[in-house]
């Protein structure tokens, strides 16, 4: 009971612990089987960026709700070999609640030959933040935690800068920019 109250009172701590778990090895029968973010410790090759920051100042909801507030999001991803990534996002959700998202993902740069700067990506992870009277706004929500899959499409303006649109289920889409460093 004490642990449940502590976790409910400290969502940031919960999210930080989850992110640490993403980078930790997965153990089965006492053997290290790998990690959710393999390559996390690999050095960057040459001038290749190792991180990507994303900022979204705008989210459009498909349906009007007078309780919706403007959503702002900021995330940091570690770029991994084979166009994979791991990351963490902090945002205020549609109802003004502080929220977090820990994720792993994959990107497909230049998937369309006619538009080589166009890319697609998908992330999957755990979201925290829809609590209280908004707990049913996200499917499979248990104690504020829910699994999430977020597909996105982007356009790489330069090798380091891009604009991106993320599809937030049946609720909304988010527009933002990212910078690799």
C-alpha atoms as a PDB file:
ATOM      1  CA  UNK A   1       0.000   0.000   0.000  1.00  0.00           C
ATOM      2  CA  UNK A   2       2.833   2.398   0.859  1.00  0.00           C
ATOM      3  CA  UNK A   3       4.551   1.633  -2.456  1.00  0.00           C
ATOM      4  CA  UNK A   4       1.313   2.272  -4.369  1.00  0.00           C
ATOM      5  CA  UNK A   5       0.847   5.656  -2.640  1.00  0.00           C
ATOM      6  CA  UNK A   6       4.484   6.609  -3.267  1.00  0.00           C
ATOM      7  CA  UNK A   7       4.287   5.720  -6.952  1.00  0.00           C
ATOM      8  CA  UNK A   8       1.011   7.621  -7.348  1.00  0.00           C
ATOM      9  CA  UNK A   9       2.531  10.696  -5.710  1.00  0.00           C
ATOM     10  CA  UNK A  10       5.751  10.575  -7.752  1.00  0.00           C
ATOM     11  CA  UNK A  11       4.953   9.952 -11.421  1.00  0.00           C
ATOM     12  CA  UNK A  12       8.315  11.399 -12.460  1.00  0.00           C
ATOM     13  CA  UNK A  13      10.073   8.823 -10.320  1.00  0.00           C
ATOM     14  CA  UNK A  14       8.003   6.061 -11.922  1.00  0.00           C
ATOM     15  CA  UNK A  15       8.885   7.247 -15.400  1.00  0.00           C
ATOM     16  CA  UNK A  16      12.582   7.591 -14.545  1.00  0.00           C
ATOM     17  CA  UNK A  17      12.645   4.065 -13.136  1.00  0.00           C
ATOM     18  CA  UNK A  18      10.952   2.759 -16.268  1.00  0.00           C
ATOM     19  CA  UNK A  19      13.521   4.496 -18.493  1.00  0.00           C
ATOM     20  CA  UNK A  20      16.331   2.957 -16.473  1.00  0.00           C
ATOM     21  CA  UNK A  21      14.698  -0.427 -16.968  1.00  0.00           C
ATOM     22  CA  UNK A  22      14.624   0.145 -20.740  1.00  0.00           C
ATOM     23  CA  UNK A  23      18.399   0.384 -20.805  1.00  0.00           C
ATOM     24  CA  UNK A  24      19.004  -2.499 -18.394  1.00  0.00           C
ATOM     25  CA  UNK A  25      19.665  -6.049 -19.562  1.00  0.00           C
ATOM     26  CA  UNK A  26      16.733  -8.452 -19.591  1.00  0.00           C
ATOM     27  CA  UNK A  27      17.421 -11.562 -17.501  1.00  0.00           C
ATOM     28  CA  UNK A  28      15.876 -14.978 -18.044  1.00  0.00           C
ATOM     29  CA  UNK A  29      17.039 -18.031 -16.119  1.00  0.00           C
ATOM     30  CA  UNK A  30      19.971 -15.994 -14.807  1.00  0.00           C
ATOM     31  CA  UNK A  31      21.388 -15.251 -18.269  1.00  0.00           C
ATOM     32  CA  UNK A  32      21.619 -11.883 -19.950  1.00  0.00           C
ATOM     33  CA  UNK A  33      19.439 -12.171 -23.050  1.00  0.00           C
ATOM     34  CA  UNK A  34      19.990  -8.668 -24.440  1.00  0.00           C
ATOM     35  CA  UNK A  35      18.355  -5.314 -23.778  1.00  0.00           C
ATOM     36  CA  UNK A  36      15.387  -3.341 -25.044  1.00  0.00           C
ATOM     37  CA  UNK A  37      17.891  -0.761 -26.293  1.00  0.00           C
ATOM     38  CA  UNK A  38      20.836  -2.783 -27.640  1.00  0.00           C
ATOM     39  CA  UNK A  39      23.606  -0.510 -28.857  1.00  0.00           C
ATOM     40  CA  UNK A  40      22.925   2.095 -26.180  1.00  0.00           C
ATOM     41  CA  UNK A  41      26.563   1.947 -25.131  1.00  0.00           C
ATOM     42  CA  UNK A  42      28.045   1.932 -28.652  1.00  0.00           C
ATOM     43  CA  UNK A  43      30.070   5.022 -29.507  1.00  0.00           C
ATOM     44  CA  UNK A  44      28.918   7.247 -32.339  1.00  0.00           C
ATOM     45  CA  UNK A  45      30.761   6.692 -35.597  1.00  0.00           C
ATOM     46  CA  UNK A  46      32.471   9.789 -36.973  1.00  0.00           C
ATOM     47  CA  UNK A  47      30.197  12.819 -37.074  1.00  0.00           C
ATOM     48  CA  UNK A  48      26.988  10.815 -36.748  1.00  0.00           C
ATOM     49  CA  UNK A  49      24.581  12.370 -34.218  1.00  0.00           C
ATOM     50  CA  UNK A  50      23.837  10.299 -31.125  1.00  0.00           C
ATOM     51  CA  UNK A  51      20.704  12.065 -29.868  1.00  0.00           C
ATOM     52  CA  UNK A  52      17.552  13.637 -31.206  1.00  0.00           C
ATOM     53  CA  UNK A  53      15.461  16.257 -29.404  1.00  0.00           C
ATOM     54  CA  UNK A  54      11.815  16.780 -30.385  1.00  0.00           C
ATOM     55  CA  UNK A  55       9.571  19.722 -29.512  1.00  0.00           C
ATOM     56  CA  UNK A  56       5.887  20.009 -30.347  1.00  0.00           C
ATOM     57  CA  UNK A  57       4.036  23.270 -29.856  1.00  0.00           C
ATOM     58  CA  UNK A  58       0.824  22.093 -31.537  1.00  0.00           C
ATOM     59  CA  UNK A  59      -1.646  19.221 -31.259  1.00  0.00           C
ATOM     60  CA  UNK A  60      -4.906  19.024 -33.195  1.00  0.00           C
ATOM     61  CA  UNK A  61      -7.738  16.946 -31.702  1.00  0.00           C
ATOM     62  CA  UNK A  62     -10.114  15.223 -34.088  1.00  0.00           C
ATOM     63  CA  UNK A  63     -13.101  15.994 -31.822  1.00  0.00           C
ATOM     64  CA  UNK A  64     -13.813  19.174 -29.904  1.00  0.00           C
ATOM     65  CA  UNK A  65     -13.955  18.922 -26.121  1.00  0.00           C
ATOM     66  CA  UNK A  66     -14.197  22.051 -23.975  1.00  0.00           C
ATOM     67  CA  UNK A  67     -11.834  20.409 -21.466  1.00  0.00           C
ATOM     68  CA  UNK A  68      -8.996  20.074 -24.001  1.00  0.00           C
ATOM     69  CA  UNK A  69      -5.955  22.203 -23.348  1.00  0.00           C
ATOM     70  CA  UNK A  70      -3.014  22.937 -25.626  1.00  0.00           C
ATOM     71  CA  UNK A  71      -0.468  20.110 -25.517  1.00  0.00           C
ATOM     72  CA  UNK A  72       3.264  20.804 -25.435  1.00  0.00           C
ATOM     73  CA  UNK A  73       5.778  17.972 -25.679  1.00  0.00           C
ATOM     74  CA  UNK A  74       9.537  17.681 -25.354  1.00  0.00           C
ATOM     75  CA  UNK A  75      11.425  14.444 -25.889  1.00  0.00           C
ATOM     76  CA  UNK A  76      14.961  13.161 -26.043  1.00  0.00           C
ATOM     77  CA  UNK A  77      15.892  10.021 -27.977  1.00  0.00           C
ATOM     78  CA  UNK A  78      19.132   8.078 -28.158  1.00  0.00           C
ATOM     79  CA  UNK A  79      19.811   7.146 -31.786  1.00  0.00           C
ATOM     80  CA  UNK A  80      20.910   3.509 -32.071  1.00  0.00           C
ATOM     81  CA  UNK A  81      22.335   1.290 -34.813  1.00  0.00           C
ATOM     82  CA  UNK A  82      20.015   0.156 -37.621  1.00  0.00           C
ATOM     83  CA  UNK A  83      17.788   3.276 -37.318  1.00  0.00           C
ATOM     84  CA  UNK A  84      16.458   2.270 -33.896  1.00  0.00           C
ATOM     85  CA  UNK A  85      15.940   4.625 -30.973  1.00  0.00           C
ATOM     86  CA  UNK A  86      15.065   4.742 -27.278  1.00  0.00           C
ATOM     87  CA  UNK A  87      13.713   7.783 -25.563  1.00  0.00           C
ATOM     88  CA  UNK A  88      11.676   9.648 -23.033  1.00  0.00           C
ATOM     89  CA  UNK A  89       9.106  12.405 -23.465  1.00  0.00           C
ATOM     90  CA  UNK A  90       7.611  14.860 -21.010  1.00  0.00           C
ATOM     91  CA  UNK A  91       4.378  16.610 -21.918  1.00  0.00           C
ATOM     92  CA  UNK A  92       1.171  18.024 -20.567  1.00  0.00           C
ATOM     93  CA  UNK A  93      -1.696  15.872 -21.811  1.00  0.00           C
ATOM     94  CA  UNK A  94      -4.917  17.117 -23.392  1.00  0.00           C
ATOM     95  CA  UNK A  95      -6.397  17.701 -19.955  1.00  0.00           C
ATOM     96  CA  UNK A  96      -3.465  19.666 -18.523  1.00  0.00           C
ATOM     97  CA  UNK A  97      -1.992  16.783 -16.525  1.00  0.00           C
ATOM     98  CA  UNK A  98       1.802  16.368 -16.399  1.00  0.00           C
ATOM     99  CA  UNK A  99       2.605  13.193 -18.342  1.00  0.00           C
ATOM    100  CA  UNK A 100       5.516  11.076 -19.537  1.00  0.00           C
ATOM    101  CA  UNK A 101       6.228   8.510 -22.232  1.00  0.00           C
ATOM    102  CA  UNK A 102       9.148   6.039 -22.242  1.00  0.00           C
ATOM    103  CA  UNK A 103       9.641   4.335 -25.596  1.00  0.00           C
ATOM    104  CA  UNK A 104      11.646   2.291 -28.068  1.00  0.00           C
ATOM    105  CA  UNK A 105      11.278   2.724 -31.791  1.00  0.00           C
ATOM    106  CA  UNK A 106      12.399   2.268 -35.368  1.00  0.00           C
ATOM    107  CA  UNK A 107      12.768   4.715 -38.242  1.00  0.00           C
ATOM    108  CA  UNK A 108      12.750   4.126 -41.996  1.00  0.00           C
ATOM    109  CA  UNK A 109      14.584   7.024 -43.669  1.00  0.00           C
ATOM    110  CA  UNK A 110      14.050   7.514 -47.390  1.00  0.00           C
ATOM    111  CA  UNK A 111      11.417   4.775 -47.624  1.00  0.00           C
ATOM    112  CA  UNK A 112       9.906   6.429 -50.718  1.00  0.00           C
ATOM    113  CA  UNK A 113      12.429   6.768 -53.545  1.00  0.00           C
ATOM    114  CA  UNK A 114      10.604   9.743 -55.112  1.00  0.00           C
ATOM    115  CA  UNK A 115      10.933  11.676 -51.819  1.00  0.00           C
ATOM    116  CA  UNK A 116      14.239  10.602 -50.210  1.00  0.00           C
ATOM    117  CA  UNK A 117      13.983  13.174 -47.392  1.00  0.00           C
ATOM    118  CA  UNK A 118      10.676  11.691 -46.226  1.00  0.00           C
ATOM    119  CA  UNK A 119      10.845   9.166 -43.391  1.00  0.00           C
ATOM    120  CA  UNK A 120       8.468   7.038 -41.367  1.00  0.00           C
ATOM    121  CA  UNK A 121       8.905   5.911 -37.778  1.00  0.00           C
ATOM    122  CA  UNK A 122       7.049   4.163 -35.018  1.00  0.00           C
ATOM    123  CA  UNK A 123       7.592   4.133 -31.277  1.00  0.00           C
ATOM    124  CA  UNK A 124       6.041   1.908 -28.647  1.00  0.00           C
ATOM    125  CA  UNK A 125       6.198   2.150 -24.899  1.00  0.00           C
ATOM    126  CA  UNK A 126       4.445   3.123 -21.723  1.00  0.00           C
ATOM    127  CA  UNK A 127       2.642   6.396 -21.128  1.00  0.00           C
ATOM    128  CA  UNK A 128       1.851   7.809 -17.711  1.00  0.00           C
ATOM    129  CA  UNK A 129      -0.411  10.698 -16.855  1.00  0.00           C
ATOM    130  CA  UNK A 130      -4.074  10.086 -17.562  1.00  0.00           C
ATOM    131  CA  UNK A 131      -5.344   9.813 -14.011  1.00  0.00           C
ATOM    132  CA  UNK A 132      -8.439  10.682 -11.997  1.00  0.00           C
ATOM    133  CA  UNK A 133     -11.508  11.454 -14.043  1.00  0.00           C
ATOM    134  CA  UNK A 134      -9.457  11.151 -17.270  1.00  0.00           C
ATOM    135  CA  UNK A 135      -8.217   7.594 -16.660  1.00  0.00           C
ATOM    136  CA  UNK A 136     -10.604   6.191 -19.292  1.00  0.00           C
ATOM    137  CA  UNK A 137      -9.346   8.536 -22.033  1.00  0.00           C
ATOM    138  CA  UNK A 138      -6.515   6.083 -22.817  1.00  0.00           C
ATOM    139  CA  UNK A 139      -7.221   2.382 -23.460  1.00  0.00           C
ATOM    140  CA  UNK A 140      -5.726  -0.232 -21.121  1.00  0.00           C
ATOM    141  CA  UNK A 141      -4.922   2.401 -18.485  1.00  0.00           C
ATOM    142  CA  UNK A 142      -3.982   0.885 -15.125  1.00  0.00           C
ATOM    143  CA  UNK A 143      -3.073   3.331 -12.395  1.00  0.00           C
ATOM    144  CA  UNK A 144      -2.220   6.002 -14.948  1.00  0.00           C
ATOM    145  CA  UNK A 145       0.072   3.697 -16.983  1.00  0.00           C
ATOM    146  CA  UNK A 146      -0.927   2.468 -20.446  1.00  0.00           C
ATOM    147  CA  UNK A 147       0.792   0.925 -23.484  1.00  0.00           C
ATOM    148  CA  UNK A 148       1.049   3.203 -26.513  1.00  0.00           C
ATOM    149  CA  UNK A 149       2.121   2.919 -30.163  1.00  0.00           C
ATOM    150  CA  UNK A 150       2.810   6.163 -32.039  1.00  0.00           C
ATOM    151  CA  UNK A 151       3.409   6.146 -35.806  1.00  0.00           C
ATOM    152  CA  UNK A 152       4.956   9.242 -37.378  1.00  0.00           C
ATOM    153  CA  UNK A 153       5.997  10.710 -40.716  1.00  0.00           C
ATOM    154  CA  UNK A 154       8.617  13.367 -41.131  1.00  0.00           C
ATOM    155  CA  UNK A 155      10.590  15.395 -43.611  1.00  0.00           C
ATOM    156  CA  UNK A 156      14.337  15.819 -43.096  1.00  0.00           C
ATOM    157  CA  UNK A 157      15.135  19.469 -43.929  1.00  0.00           C
ATOM    158  CA  UNK A 158      18.867  19.015 -43.256  1.00  0.00           C
ATOM    159  CA  UNK A 159      20.822  16.013 -41.989  1.00  0.00           C
ATOM    160  CA  UNK A 160      20.161  17.310 -38.455  1.00  0.00           C
ATOM    161  CA  UNK A 161      16.763  19.066 -38.654  1.00  0.00           C
ATOM    162  CA  UNK A 162      13.314  17.695 -39.503  1.00  0.00           C
ATOM    163  CA  UNK A 163       9.624  18.393 -39.130  1.00  0.00           C
ATOM    164  CA  UNK A 164       7.358  15.566 -38.025  1.00  0.00           C
ATOM    165  CA  UNK A 165       3.696  14.651 -37.611  1.00  0.00           C
ATOM    166  CA  UNK A 166       2.793  12.003 -35.015  1.00  0.00           C
ATOM    167  CA  UNK A 167      -0.544  10.191 -35.002  1.00  0.00           C
ATOM    168  CA  UNK A 168      -1.943   9.960 -31.460  1.00  0.00           C
ATOM    169  CA  UNK A 169      -4.418   7.143 -31.884  1.00  0.00           C
ATOM    170  CA  UNK A 170      -7.959   8.186 -32.687  1.00  0.00           C
ATOM    171  CA  UNK A 171      -7.653  11.327 -30.550  1.00  0.00           C
ATOM    172  CA  UNK A 172      -5.294  13.721 -32.331  1.00  0.00           C
ATOM    173  CA  UNK A 173      -2.141  14.414 -34.290  1.00  0.00           C
ATOM    174  CA  UNK A 174       0.903  16.305 -33.069  1.00  0.00           C
ATOM    175  CA  UNK A 175       3.183  18.526 -35.175  1.00  0.00           C
ATOM    176  CA  UNK A 176       6.732  19.273 -34.153  1.00  0.00           C
ATOM    177  CA  UNK A 177      10.372  19.619 -35.081  1.00  0.00           C
ATOM    178  CA  UNK A 178      13.403  17.588 -34.170  1.00  0.00           C
ATOM    179  CA  UNK A 179      17.109  18.278 -34.030  1.00  0.00           C
ATOM    180  CA  UNK A 180      19.869  15.690 -34.068  1.00  0.00           C
ATOM    181  CA  UNK A 181      23.091  16.318 -32.184  1.00  0.00           C
END
